[in-house]
Amino acid sequence: MKPIFSRRGLIVSCQALPGEPLYWQGTMARMAQAAELGGAIGIRANGPDDIRDIKAVVKLPVIGLLKRDIPGSDIYITPELVDVQAIIEAGADVVAMDMTNREDRAEKVVPLIRHCHEAGVAVMADISTFEEGVLAESLGADLISTTMSGYTPYSPKQEGPDLELVRQLARKLTKPLVAEGRIWSPAEAEEAMEAGAEYVVVGGAITRPQFITQKYAERLGRYLDRTASSR
């Protein structure tokens, strides 16, 4: 399979969930345009509608996924074949899917990976641990991403990115490694690449203004608390 991205660099995740202020048809396409103008090399997007809208206005490769809740399951990132098919039909260049070690997921993703490859579309494995990353590569994933670190019960819970996981995987994998999850500053993005990532995905710090505002408000709130107590 030919290279997906033109060079190493920044992939911007343009996603908004129901109930969020930017959850509106066409908004994520505008976000993607802004990301392209700013120098991003790719876009990550959720759902066929946003994928189609984004593909219509940017020239960058799009990593598509479909977040869908299934009762009784913790797997919500592109859980089933029908979701894979919808993403491919929408025009995504890469399909991202949960490849964590839950609910016999390894066995279930094999036909999903095969379907993507038969359609000429690459697969990104969203994983949370070193073992999951190694297994995802062996199952045929074309990109391995640390997306799920901190979001499974057995992976580290921390405020910043899991750079140790990036380092460990970079020493083992032969497929491109993607650092994703809780990257809040250009400095952290650079650290992730220094740790061995080929690509760095940033979402909330760029495209979710409510979380950006919250970071500033919480930091200033702590400052005001400290200064008030010292008076």
Protein backbone atom coordinates (compact mmCIF):
# COMPACT_ATOMS: atom_id res chain seq x y z
CA MET A 1 0.00 0.00 0.00
CA LYS A 2 1.39 3.41 -0.99
CA PRO A 3 2.23 6.02 1.69
CA ILE A 4 -0.86 7.75 3.05
CA PHE A 5 0.65 11.05 4.11
CA SER A 6 3.12 13.21 2.20
CA ARG A 7 5.44 13.62 5.18
CA ARG A 8 5.69 13.28 8.95
CA GLY A 9 3.79 15.86 10.94
CA LEU A 10 0.52 16.99 12.49
CA ILE A 11 -2.89 15.39 11.97
CA VAL A 12 -5.81 17.42 13.31
CA SER A 13 -8.82 15.63 14.75
CA CYS A 14 -11.92 17.57 13.72
CA GLN A 15 -14.73 16.11 15.81
CA ALA A 16 -17.74 17.39 17.71
CA LEU A 17 -20.16 15.21 19.61
CA PRO A 18 -23.94 15.65 20.07
CA GLY A 19 -24.63 18.32 22.67
CA GLU A 20 -21.42 20.25 21.95
CA PRO A 21 -21.62 23.81 20.53
CA LEU A 22 -19.84 22.93 17.26
CA TYR A 23 -21.96 19.87 16.52
CA TRP A 24 -23.48 21.29 13.35
CA GLN A 25 -23.41 20.23 9.71
CA GLY A 26 -20.46 21.80 7.93
CA THR A 27 -18.65 23.09 11.00
CA MET A 28 -16.00 20.36 11.03
CA ALA A 29 -15.32 20.93 7.33
CA ARG A 30 -14.47 24.54 8.16
CA MET A 31 -12.27 23.33 10.99
CA ALA A 32 -10.50 21.03 8.53
CA GLN A 33 -9.96 23.90 6.12
CA ALA A 34 -8.39 25.94 8.91
CA ALA A 35 -6.18 22.97 9.85
CA GLU A 36 -5.02 22.59 6.25
CA LEU A 37 -4.18 26.28 6.05
CA GLY A 38 -2.26 25.97 9.30
CA GLY A 39 -0.02 23.19 8.00
CA ALA A 40 -1.72 19.93 9.02
CA ILE A 41 -0.84 16.90 6.88
CA GLY A 42 -4.07 15.01 7.59
CA ILE A 43 -7.49 15.11 9.24
CA ARG A 44 -9.23 12.68 11.59
CA ALA A 45 -13.02 12.85 11.42
CA ASN A 46 -16.04 11.09 12.90
CA GLY A 47 -19.03 9.94 10.88
CA PRO A 48 -19.86 9.72 7.18
CA ASP A 49 -21.42 13.19 6.95
CA ASP A 50 -18.37 14.99 8.31
CA ILE A 51 -16.03 12.80 6.28
CA ARG A 52 -17.87 13.68 3.05
CA ASP A 53 -17.98 17.39 3.91
CA ILE A 54 -14.28 17.45 4.74
CA LYS A 55 -13.22 15.49 1.64
CA ALA A 56 -15.12 18.02 -0.46
CA VAL A 57 -13.11 21.02 0.77
CA VAL A 58 -9.59 19.82 1.66
CA LYS A 59 -6.92 17.92 -0.25
CA LEU A 60 -5.52 16.18 2.82
CA PRO A 61 -5.92 12.46 3.58
CA VAL A 62 -8.77 11.79 5.99
CA ILE A 63 -8.75 9.21 8.77
CA GLY A 64 -12.38 8.23 9.26
CA LEU A 65 -14.08 6.60 12.19
CA LEU A 66 -17.61 6.12 13.41
CA LYS A 67 -18.38 6.45 17.11
CA ARG A 68 -21.41 4.36 17.97
CA ASP A 69 -22.65 3.10 21.32
CA ILE A 70 -23.72 -0.54 21.41
CA PRO A 71 -25.64 -1.59 24.55
CA GLY A 72 -23.52 -3.83 26.75
CA SER A 73 -20.27 -3.07 24.91
CA ASP A 74 -17.38 -0.71 25.67
CA ILE A 75 -16.25 -0.69 22.04
CA TYR A 76 -17.49 2.47 20.32
CA ILE A 77 -14.87 3.45 17.71
CA THR A 78 -15.90 1.77 14.44
CA PRO A 79 -17.21 -1.32 16.22
CA GLU A 80 -18.64 -3.38 13.34
CA LEU A 81 -18.38 -4.06 9.61
CA VAL A 82 -21.36 -1.86 8.81
CA ASP A 83 -19.48 1.08 10.32
CA VAL A 84 -16.37 0.29 8.29
CA GLN A 85 -18.44 0.17 5.12
CA ALA A 86 -20.07 3.53 5.88
CA ILE A 87 -16.69 5.19 6.42
CA ILE A 88 -15.23 3.78 3.21
CA GLU A 89 -18.30 4.82 1.21
CA ALA A 90 -17.92 8.35 2.60
CA GLY A 91 -14.45 8.54 1.05
CA ALA A 92 -12.04 8.10 3.97
CA ASP A 93 -8.45 7.25 3.11
CA VAL A 94 -7.91 5.42 6.40
CA VAL A 95 -10.36 3.66 8.71
CA ALA A 96 -9.62 4.00 12.43
CA MET A 97 -10.98 1.28 14.68
CA ASP A 98 -10.72 0.15 18.29
CA MET A 99 -8.13 -2.61 18.51
CA THR A 100 -7.87 -2.82 22.28
CA ASN A 101 -7.76 -6.19 24.00
CA ARG A 102 -11.41 -6.17 25.08
CA GLU A 103 -14.42 -8.31 24.20
CA ASP A 104 -12.40 -10.66 21.95
CA ARG A 105 -11.71 -7.65 19.77
CA ALA A 106 -8.61 -9.11 18.11
CA GLU A 107 -10.65 -11.90 16.57
CA LYS A 108 -13.43 -9.56 15.49
CA VAL A 109 -11.24 -6.99 13.73
CA VAL A 110 -9.61 -9.42 11.31
CA PRO A 111 -12.51 -9.38 8.81
CA LEU A 112 -12.80 -5.60 9.23
CA ILE A 113 -9.13 -5.14 8.32
CA ARG A 114 -9.52 -7.49 5.37
CA HIS A 115 -12.52 -5.54 4.10
CA CYS A 116 -10.58 -2.26 4.27
CA HIS A 117 -7.60 -3.66 2.42
CA GLU A 118 -9.76 -5.22 -0.28
CA ALA A 119 -11.27 -1.75 -0.78
CA GLY A 120 -7.80 -0.18 -1.03
CA VAL A 121 -8.17 1.66 2.28
CA ALA A 122 -5.63 1.65 5.11
CA VAL A 123 -6.36 0.78 8.74
CA MET A 124 -5.40 2.69 11.87
CA ALA A 125 -5.46 0.69 15.10
CA ASP A 126 -6.53 2.67 18.16
CA ILE A 127 -4.77 0.91 21.05
CA SER A 128 -4.01 1.55 24.72
CA THR A 129 -1.02 -0.65 25.63
CA PHE A 130 2.25 -1.94 24.21
CA GLU A 131 0.87 -5.48 23.83
CA GLU A 132 -2.16 -4.21 21.93
CA GLY A 133 0.05 -2.21 19.57
CA VAL A 134 2.24 -5.20 18.77
CA LEU A 135 -0.80 -7.42 18.23
CA ALA A 136 -2.49 -4.81 16.01
CA GLU A 137 0.55 -4.72 13.74
CA SER A 138 0.59 -8.52 13.51
CA LEU A 139 -3.10 -8.51 12.55
CA GLY A 140 -2.42 -6.21 9.60
CA ALA A 141 -3.04 -2.65 10.81
CA ASP A 142 -1.18 -0.09 8.69
CA LEU A 143 -0.86 2.55 11.41
CA ILE A 144 -0.74 2.10 15.18
CA SER A 145 -2.11 4.93 17.33
CA THR A 146 -1.97 5.42 21.09
CA THR A 147 -5.49 6.90 21.02
CA MET A 148 -6.97 4.69 23.72
CA SER A 149 -4.26 4.97 26.37
CA GLY A 150 -6.03 6.17 29.50
CA TYR A 151 -9.45 5.15 28.20
CA THR A 152 -9.28 1.46 29.02
CA PRO A 153 -9.43 0.30 32.67
CA TYR A 154 -5.94 -1.20 32.49
CA SER A 155 -4.01 1.65 30.82
CA PRO A 156 -2.32 4.57 32.66
CA LYS A 157 -4.51 7.44 33.85
CA GLN A 158 -2.61 10.68 33.46
CA GLU A 159 -3.19 14.28 32.45
CA GLY A 160 -0.71 14.39 29.59
CA PRO A 161 0.14 12.11 26.65
CA ASP A 162 1.46 8.59 27.22
CA LEU A 163 4.95 9.26 25.90
CA GLU A 164 6.36 6.12 27.52
CA LEU A 165 3.99 4.01 25.44
CA VAL A 166 5.14 5.88 22.34
CA ARG A 167 8.79 5.14 23.21
CA GLN A 168 8.13 1.47 23.80
CA LEU A 169 6.20 1.00 20.58
CA ALA A 170 8.70 3.00 18.53
CA ARG A 171 11.42 0.51 19.50
CA LYS A 172 9.31 -2.48 18.42
CA LEU A 173 7.00 -1.62 15.53
CA THR A 174 7.83 -1.58 11.85
CA LYS A 175 4.57 0.12 10.84
CA PRO A 176 4.15 3.91 11.33
CA LEU A 177 3.38 4.98 14.89
CA VAL A 178 0.87 7.71 15.72
CA ALA A 179 0.88 9.58 19.03
CA GLU A 180 -2.63 10.61 20.03
CA GLY A 181 -4.41 11.54 23.24
CA ARG A 182 -4.18 14.49 25.65
CA ILE A 183 -1.59 16.44 23.64
CA TRP A 184 -2.27 20.01 24.71
CA SER A 185 0.70 22.03 23.48
CA PRO A 186 3.18 22.27 20.59
CA ALA A 187 5.89 21.27 23.07
CA GLU A 188 4.08 18.02 23.91
CA ALA A 189 3.58 17.34 20.20
CA GLU A 190 7.31 17.77 19.64
CA GLU A 191 8.07 15.48 22.59
CA ALA A 192 5.81 12.82 21.06
CA MET A 193 7.72 12.96 17.80
CA GLU A 194 11.05 12.87 19.64
CA ALA A 195 9.75 9.76 21.42
CA GLY A 196 9.41 8.04 18.05
CA ALA A 197 6.03 8.93 16.57
CA GLU A 198 5.80 9.40 12.82
CA TYR A 199 2.61 11.41 13.19
CA VAL A 200 0.95 13.35 16.01
CA VAL A 201 -2.82 13.71 16.26
CA VAL A 202 -4.16 16.73 18.14
CA GLY A 203 -7.88 17.28 18.64
CA GLY A 204 -9.25 19.06 21.68
CA ALA A 205 -6.39 21.56 21.93
CA ILE A 206 -7.22 22.83 18.44
CA THR A 207 -10.84 22.07 17.56
CA ARG A 208 -12.85 21.92 20.80
CA PRO A 209 -13.03 25.47 22.19
CA GLN A 210 -14.96 24.51 25.31
CA PHE A 211 -12.01 22.40 26.47
CA ILE A 212 -9.46 25.03 25.47
CA THR A 213 -11.41 27.61 27.49
CA GLN A 214 -11.65 25.20 30.42
CA LYS A 215 -7.86 24.81 30.50
CA TYR A 216 -7.36 28.57 30.74
CA ALA A 217 -10.18 29.05 33.24
CA GLU A 218 -8.92 26.29 35.54
CA ARG A 219 -5.34 27.60 35.43
CA LEU A 220 -6.45 31.16 36.22
CA GLY A 221 -8.81 29.86 38.91
CA ARG A 222 -5.92 28.12 40.68
CA TYR A 223 -3.86 31.33 40.42
CA LEU A 224 -6.66 33.41 41.90
CA ASP A 225 -7.11 30.93 44.74
CA ARG A 226 -3.40 31.10 45.57
CA THR A 227 -3.22 34.87 45.47
CA ALA A 228 -6.41 35.28 47.49
CA SER A 229 -5.11 33.02 50.28
CA SER A 230 -1.84 34.96 50.49
CA ARG A 231 -3.51 38.31 51.15
